[in-house]
N, C-alpha and C. Protein backbone atom coordinates (compact mmCIF):
# COMPACT_ATOMS: atom_id res chain seq x y z
N MET A 1 -52.09 19.97 112.72
CA MET A 1 -51.72 18.59 112.55
C MET A 1 -50.94 18.15 113.77
N THR A 2 -51.25 16.97 114.25
CA THR A 2 -50.51 16.45 115.39
C THR A 2 -49.24 15.79 114.90
N ARG A 3 -48.36 15.49 115.84
CA ARG A 3 -47.09 14.89 115.50
C ARG A 3 -47.29 13.53 114.81
N SER A 4 -48.24 12.72 115.29
CA SER A 4 -48.47 11.41 114.68
C SER A 4 -49.09 11.55 113.29
N THR A 5 -49.92 12.57 113.09
CA THR A 5 -50.52 12.79 111.78
C THR A 5 -49.45 13.21 110.78
N ARG A 6 -48.52 14.09 111.22
CA ARG A 6 -47.42 14.50 110.34
C ARG A 6 -46.54 13.32 109.98
N GLY A 7 -46.28 12.45 110.95
CA GLY A 7 -45.45 11.27 110.68
C GLY A 7 -46.13 10.35 109.68
N SER A 8 -47.44 10.18 109.82
CA SER A 8 -48.18 9.33 108.88
C SER A 8 -48.16 9.93 107.49
N ALA A 9 -48.30 11.26 107.40
CA ALA A 9 -48.29 11.94 106.10
C ALA A 9 -46.92 11.77 105.44
N ARG A 10 -45.84 11.89 106.22
CA ARG A 10 -44.50 11.72 105.67
C ARG A 10 -44.31 10.29 105.16
N ARG A 11 -44.72 9.32 105.95
CA ARG A 11 -44.58 7.93 105.53
C ARG A 11 -45.37 7.67 104.24
N PHE A 12 -46.55 8.28 104.14
CA PHE A 12 -47.36 8.13 102.93
C PHE A 12 -46.64 8.71 101.72
N VAL A 13 -46.07 9.90 101.87
CA VAL A 13 -45.36 10.56 100.76
C VAL A 13 -44.14 9.74 100.35
N VAL A 14 -43.40 9.22 101.34
CA VAL A 14 -42.23 8.41 101.02
C VAL A 14 -42.65 7.13 100.29
N ALA A 15 -43.70 6.47 100.79
CA ALA A 15 -44.18 5.25 100.15
C ALA A 15 -44.67 5.52 98.73
N LEU A 16 -45.38 6.62 98.53
CA LEU A 16 -45.88 6.98 97.21
C LEU A 16 -44.71 7.26 96.25
N THR A 17 -43.72 7.99 96.74
CA THR A 17 -42.54 8.30 95.91
C THR A 17 -41.81 7.03 95.51
N LEU A 18 -41.62 6.10 96.43
CA LEU A 18 -40.96 4.84 96.11
C LEU A 18 -41.77 4.03 95.11
N ALA A 19 -43.08 4.00 95.30
CA ALA A 19 -43.94 3.24 94.39
C ALA A 19 -43.88 3.81 92.97
N LEU A 20 -43.94 5.12 92.85
CA LEU A 20 -43.89 5.74 91.52
C LEU A 20 -42.52 5.53 90.88
N GLY A 21 -41.48 5.66 91.66
CA GLY A 21 -40.13 5.45 91.13
C GLY A 21 -39.92 4.03 90.67
N THR A 22 -40.42 3.06 91.42
CA THR A 22 -40.31 1.66 91.04
C THR A 22 -41.09 1.39 89.76
N GLY A 23 -42.27 1.97 89.64
CA GLY A 23 -43.07 1.81 88.42
C GLY A 23 -42.35 2.37 87.21
N ALA A 24 -41.71 3.52 87.37
CA ALA A 24 -40.97 4.12 86.26
C ALA A 24 -39.81 3.23 85.84
N LEU A 25 -39.11 2.64 86.81
CA LEU A 25 -38.00 1.75 86.48
C LEU A 25 -38.49 0.50 85.77
N LEU A 26 -39.60 -0.05 86.21
CA LEU A 26 -40.14 -1.23 85.55
C LEU A 26 -40.57 -0.92 84.13
N ALA A 27 -41.14 0.25 83.90
CA ALA A 27 -41.57 0.64 82.56
C ALA A 27 -40.36 0.77 81.64
N CYS A 28 -39.23 1.26 82.15
CA CYS A 28 -38.02 1.40 81.35
C CYS A 28 -37.46 0.03 80.99
N GLY A 29 -37.72 -0.98 81.78
CA GLY A 29 -37.18 -2.30 81.54
C GLY A 29 -37.90 -3.06 80.45
N ASN A 30 -38.92 -2.48 79.83
CA ASN A 30 -39.68 -3.17 78.79
C ASN A 30 -39.05 -3.06 77.41
N THR A 31 -37.91 -2.38 77.30
CA THR A 31 -37.23 -2.24 76.02
C THR A 31 -36.59 -3.58 75.66
N PRO A 32 -36.90 -4.11 74.49
CA PRO A 32 -36.33 -5.41 74.13
C PRO A 32 -34.81 -5.32 73.95
N ALA A 33 -34.14 -6.39 74.29
CA ALA A 33 -32.69 -6.46 74.13
C ALA A 33 -32.35 -6.51 72.64
N PRO A 34 -31.21 -5.94 72.25
CA PRO A 34 -30.80 -6.01 70.84
C PRO A 34 -30.66 -7.47 70.40
N ARG A 35 -31.00 -7.72 69.15
CA ARG A 35 -30.95 -9.07 68.59
C ARG A 35 -29.86 -9.17 67.53
N VAL A 36 -29.48 -10.39 67.22
CA VAL A 36 -28.54 -10.67 66.13
C VAL A 36 -29.31 -11.38 65.02
N HIS A 37 -29.23 -10.84 63.81
CA HIS A 37 -29.91 -11.40 62.64
C HIS A 37 -28.84 -11.89 61.66
N THR A 38 -29.11 -12.99 60.99
CA THR A 38 -28.16 -13.53 60.02
C THR A 38 -28.77 -13.48 58.62
N VAL A 39 -27.99 -12.96 57.68
CA VAL A 39 -28.36 -12.96 56.26
C VAL A 39 -27.34 -13.85 55.56
N GLU A 40 -27.83 -14.88 54.90
CA GLU A 40 -26.96 -15.79 54.15
C GLU A 40 -26.83 -15.27 52.72
N ILE A 41 -25.64 -15.34 52.19
CA ILE A 41 -25.39 -14.97 50.80
C ILE A 41 -25.13 -16.26 50.05
N SER A 42 -26.04 -16.59 49.12
CA SER A 42 -25.86 -17.79 48.30
C SER A 42 -26.65 -17.63 47.01
N GLY A 43 -26.15 -18.29 45.97
CA GLY A 43 -26.84 -18.20 44.67
C GLY A 43 -26.93 -16.79 44.15
N LEU A 44 -25.91 -15.98 44.44
CA LEU A 44 -25.87 -14.57 44.03
C LEU A 44 -27.08 -13.79 44.54
N ALA A 45 -27.49 -14.06 45.79
CA ALA A 45 -28.62 -13.36 46.41
C ALA A 45 -28.45 -13.31 47.92
N PHE A 46 -29.12 -12.34 48.53
CA PHE A 46 -29.18 -12.22 49.98
C PHE A 46 -30.42 -12.96 50.47
N HIS A 47 -30.27 -13.78 51.50
CA HIS A 47 -31.40 -14.54 52.06
C HIS A 47 -31.49 -14.30 53.56
N PRO A 48 -32.51 -13.62 54.06
CA PRO A 48 -33.61 -13.01 53.33
C PRO A 48 -33.18 -11.70 52.68
N ALA A 49 -33.88 -11.33 51.64
CA ALA A 49 -33.58 -10.07 50.94
C ALA A 49 -34.11 -8.87 51.72
N GLU A 50 -35.18 -9.06 52.49
CA GLU A 50 -35.73 -8.02 53.36
C GLU A 50 -35.73 -8.55 54.78
N LEU A 51 -35.35 -7.68 55.70
CA LEU A 51 -35.24 -8.09 57.09
C LEU A 51 -35.72 -6.97 58.00
N ASN A 52 -36.60 -7.29 58.94
CA ASN A 52 -37.05 -6.31 59.94
C ASN A 52 -36.07 -6.31 61.10
N VAL A 53 -35.54 -5.12 61.42
CA VAL A 53 -34.56 -4.97 62.49
C VAL A 53 -34.94 -3.77 63.35
N ALA A 54 -34.31 -3.65 64.50
CA ALA A 54 -34.49 -2.49 65.37
C ALA A 54 -33.14 -1.80 65.55
N VAL A 55 -33.17 -0.52 65.89
CA VAL A 55 -31.93 0.19 66.17
C VAL A 55 -31.23 -0.53 67.32
N GLY A 56 -29.95 -0.78 67.16
CA GLY A 56 -29.17 -1.51 68.16
C GLY A 56 -28.97 -2.98 67.81
N ASP A 57 -29.79 -3.51 66.89
CA ASP A 57 -29.62 -4.90 66.46
C ASP A 57 -28.35 -5.03 65.63
N THR A 58 -27.82 -6.24 65.58
CA THR A 58 -26.66 -6.55 64.75
C THR A 58 -27.11 -7.43 63.60
N VAL A 59 -26.66 -7.10 62.40
CA VAL A 59 -26.93 -7.93 61.22
C VAL A 59 -25.60 -8.53 60.79
N VAL A 60 -25.59 -9.86 60.63
CA VAL A 60 -24.39 -10.59 60.21
C VAL A 60 -24.66 -11.19 58.84
N TRP A 61 -23.80 -10.89 57.87
CA TRP A 61 -23.89 -11.48 56.54
C TRP A 61 -22.85 -12.59 56.45
N VAL A 62 -23.27 -13.78 56.05
CA VAL A 62 -22.37 -14.93 55.91
C VAL A 62 -22.35 -15.33 54.45
N ASN A 63 -21.17 -15.34 53.84
CA ASN A 63 -21.05 -15.68 52.43
C ASN A 63 -20.93 -17.19 52.26
N ARG A 64 -21.96 -17.80 51.70
CA ARG A 64 -22.00 -19.25 51.40
C ARG A 64 -21.75 -19.51 49.92
N ASP A 65 -21.47 -18.45 49.16
CA ASP A 65 -21.21 -18.54 47.72
C ASP A 65 -19.73 -18.79 47.48
N ILE A 66 -19.40 -19.28 46.27
CA ILE A 66 -17.99 -19.44 45.92
C ILE A 66 -17.37 -18.12 45.45
N PHE A 67 -18.24 -17.12 45.19
CA PHE A 67 -17.78 -15.81 44.74
C PHE A 67 -17.65 -14.87 45.93
N PRO A 68 -16.72 -13.91 45.88
CA PRO A 68 -16.67 -12.90 46.93
C PRO A 68 -17.84 -11.93 46.79
N HIS A 69 -18.31 -11.40 47.92
CA HIS A 69 -19.43 -10.47 47.94
C HIS A 69 -19.20 -9.41 49.00
N THR A 70 -20.02 -8.35 48.94
CA THR A 70 -20.07 -7.33 50.00
C THR A 70 -21.54 -7.09 50.34
N ALA A 71 -21.75 -6.44 51.46
CA ALA A 71 -23.05 -5.84 51.77
C ALA A 71 -22.71 -4.37 52.01
N THR A 72 -23.09 -3.54 51.06
CA THR A 72 -22.69 -2.13 51.05
C THR A 72 -23.94 -1.26 51.05
N ALA A 73 -24.03 -0.37 52.01
CA ALA A 73 -25.21 0.50 52.12
C ALA A 73 -25.33 1.43 50.93
N SER A 74 -26.56 1.62 50.49
CA SER A 74 -26.85 2.61 49.45
C SER A 74 -27.15 3.92 50.15
N GLY A 75 -26.73 5.01 49.57
CA GLY A 75 -27.05 6.31 50.15
C GLY A 75 -26.07 6.75 51.22
N ALA A 76 -26.58 7.56 52.15
CA ALA A 76 -25.72 8.26 53.11
C ALA A 76 -25.29 7.41 54.31
N SER A 77 -25.85 6.23 54.51
CA SER A 77 -25.51 5.43 55.69
C SER A 77 -24.03 5.09 55.73
N GLY A 78 -23.47 4.70 54.60
CA GLY A 78 -22.03 4.55 54.48
C GLY A 78 -21.41 3.29 55.06
N TRP A 79 -22.16 2.30 55.51
CA TRP A 79 -21.52 1.10 56.04
C TRP A 79 -21.24 0.10 54.93
N ASP A 80 -20.24 -0.74 55.19
CA ASP A 80 -19.81 -1.73 54.21
C ASP A 80 -19.15 -2.88 54.98
N THR A 81 -19.50 -4.10 54.64
CA THR A 81 -18.88 -5.25 55.31
C THR A 81 -17.46 -5.51 54.82
N GLY A 82 -17.09 -4.87 53.72
CA GLY A 82 -15.83 -5.23 53.08
C GLY A 82 -16.06 -6.47 52.24
N THR A 83 -15.05 -6.88 51.50
CA THR A 83 -15.18 -8.06 50.64
C THR A 83 -15.15 -9.32 51.49
N LEU A 84 -16.18 -10.15 51.31
CA LEU A 84 -16.30 -11.40 52.06
C LEU A 84 -16.06 -12.58 51.12
N ALA A 85 -14.97 -13.30 51.32
CA ALA A 85 -14.71 -14.51 50.54
C ALA A 85 -15.63 -15.62 51.06
N GLU A 86 -15.66 -16.74 50.36
CA GLU A 86 -16.49 -17.88 50.76
C GLU A 86 -16.22 -18.26 52.22
N GLY A 87 -17.30 -18.38 53.00
CA GLY A 87 -17.19 -18.76 54.40
C GLY A 87 -16.96 -17.61 55.37
N MET A 88 -16.65 -16.44 54.85
CA MET A 88 -16.41 -15.28 55.72
C MET A 88 -17.73 -14.59 56.09
N SER A 89 -17.68 -13.78 57.14
CA SER A 89 -18.85 -13.02 57.55
C SER A 89 -18.45 -11.59 57.88
N GLY A 90 -19.43 -10.71 57.80
CA GLY A 90 -19.27 -9.31 58.16
C GLY A 90 -20.50 -8.87 58.92
N ARG A 91 -20.35 -7.86 59.77
CA ARG A 91 -21.47 -7.44 60.60
C ARG A 91 -21.59 -5.93 60.66
N VAL A 92 -22.83 -5.49 60.92
CA VAL A 92 -23.14 -4.07 61.07
C VAL A 92 -24.15 -3.96 62.21
N VAL A 93 -23.94 -2.96 63.09
CA VAL A 93 -24.92 -2.65 64.12
C VAL A 93 -25.83 -1.56 63.56
N VAL A 94 -27.13 -1.80 63.61
CA VAL A 94 -28.10 -0.86 63.02
C VAL A 94 -28.18 0.39 63.89
N SER A 95 -27.90 1.54 63.28
CA SER A 95 -27.92 2.79 64.03
C SER A 95 -28.87 3.82 63.43
N ASP A 96 -29.36 3.57 62.23
CA ASP A 96 -30.28 4.51 61.60
C ASP A 96 -31.71 4.08 61.89
N GLY A 97 -32.61 5.03 61.92
CA GLY A 97 -34.00 4.72 62.17
C GLY A 97 -34.86 4.76 60.93
N ALA A 98 -34.31 4.34 59.81
CA ALA A 98 -35.06 4.38 58.55
C ALA A 98 -34.78 3.12 57.77
N GLU A 99 -35.45 2.98 56.64
CA GLU A 99 -35.20 1.85 55.76
C GLU A 99 -33.79 1.97 55.19
N LEU A 100 -33.06 0.88 55.20
CA LEU A 100 -31.69 0.89 54.73
C LEU A 100 -31.53 -0.10 53.58
N SER A 101 -31.34 0.41 52.39
CA SER A 101 -31.11 -0.45 51.23
C SER A 101 -29.62 -0.73 51.13
N TYR A 102 -29.27 -1.92 50.64
CA TYR A 102 -27.87 -2.26 50.44
C TYR A 102 -27.75 -3.15 49.21
N ARG A 103 -26.52 -3.35 48.76
CA ARG A 103 -26.25 -4.16 47.58
C ARG A 103 -24.86 -4.76 47.71
N CYS A 104 -24.56 -5.67 46.82
CA CYS A 104 -23.19 -6.17 46.72
C CYS A 104 -22.47 -5.25 45.74
N SER A 105 -21.38 -4.65 46.17
CA SER A 105 -20.67 -3.71 45.28
C SER A 105 -19.99 -4.44 44.12
N LEU A 106 -19.79 -5.74 44.25
CA LEU A 106 -19.17 -6.52 43.17
C LEU A 106 -20.21 -7.07 42.19
N HIS A 107 -21.45 -7.20 42.66
CA HIS A 107 -22.55 -7.72 41.84
C HIS A 107 -23.78 -6.84 42.10
N PRO A 108 -23.87 -5.68 41.45
CA PRO A 108 -24.91 -4.68 41.75
C PRO A 108 -26.35 -5.16 41.62
N THR A 109 -26.59 -6.29 40.93
CA THR A 109 -27.96 -6.78 40.85
C THR A 109 -28.40 -7.45 42.15
N MET A 110 -27.45 -7.76 43.02
CA MET A 110 -27.77 -8.33 44.33
C MET A 110 -28.16 -7.19 45.25
N GLN A 111 -29.40 -7.17 45.68
CA GLN A 111 -29.88 -6.08 46.53
C GLN A 111 -30.64 -6.62 47.73
N GLY A 112 -30.59 -5.86 48.82
CA GLY A 112 -31.32 -6.23 50.02
C GLY A 112 -31.82 -4.98 50.72
N ARG A 113 -32.62 -5.19 51.76
CA ARG A 113 -33.19 -4.05 52.48
C ARG A 113 -33.38 -4.42 53.94
N LEU A 114 -32.97 -3.50 54.80
CA LEU A 114 -33.24 -3.60 56.24
C LEU A 114 -34.36 -2.63 56.55
N ILE A 115 -35.43 -3.12 57.14
CA ILE A 115 -36.57 -2.28 57.51
C ILE A 115 -36.51 -2.08 59.01
N VAL A 116 -36.21 -0.85 59.43
CA VAL A 116 -36.05 -0.56 60.85
C VAL A 116 -37.42 -0.34 61.46
N ILE A 117 -37.80 -1.23 62.39
CA ILE A 117 -39.07 -1.12 63.08
C ILE A 117 -38.88 -0.38 64.40
N ARG A 118 -39.95 0.18 64.87
CA ARG A 118 -39.89 0.93 66.14
C ARG A 118 -40.69 0.23 67.19
């Protein structure tokens, strides 16, 4: 190989490496940004009762009822907004990758579900 051929080969390898690295970075940038979802509590119900969310999203429950309510996870997830009086809100960042059922601990017939999409 001559000196100019080696130089061309090196430039080609460097250009290829940069191109592949840039492509990998662009592919990583396709992850959607976390979203904020709102669930209204009114009429002794969660609206919407089912919500599609992604890991990293934030869910905010806003109590529009005159009664106090909670949004309390069923099972091992263990999150709870605490008691929300009228006009108050509570939030949870979704960290589990499965369906998450929840209820109002003060009114157990009030139930909701977060469906974690991938």
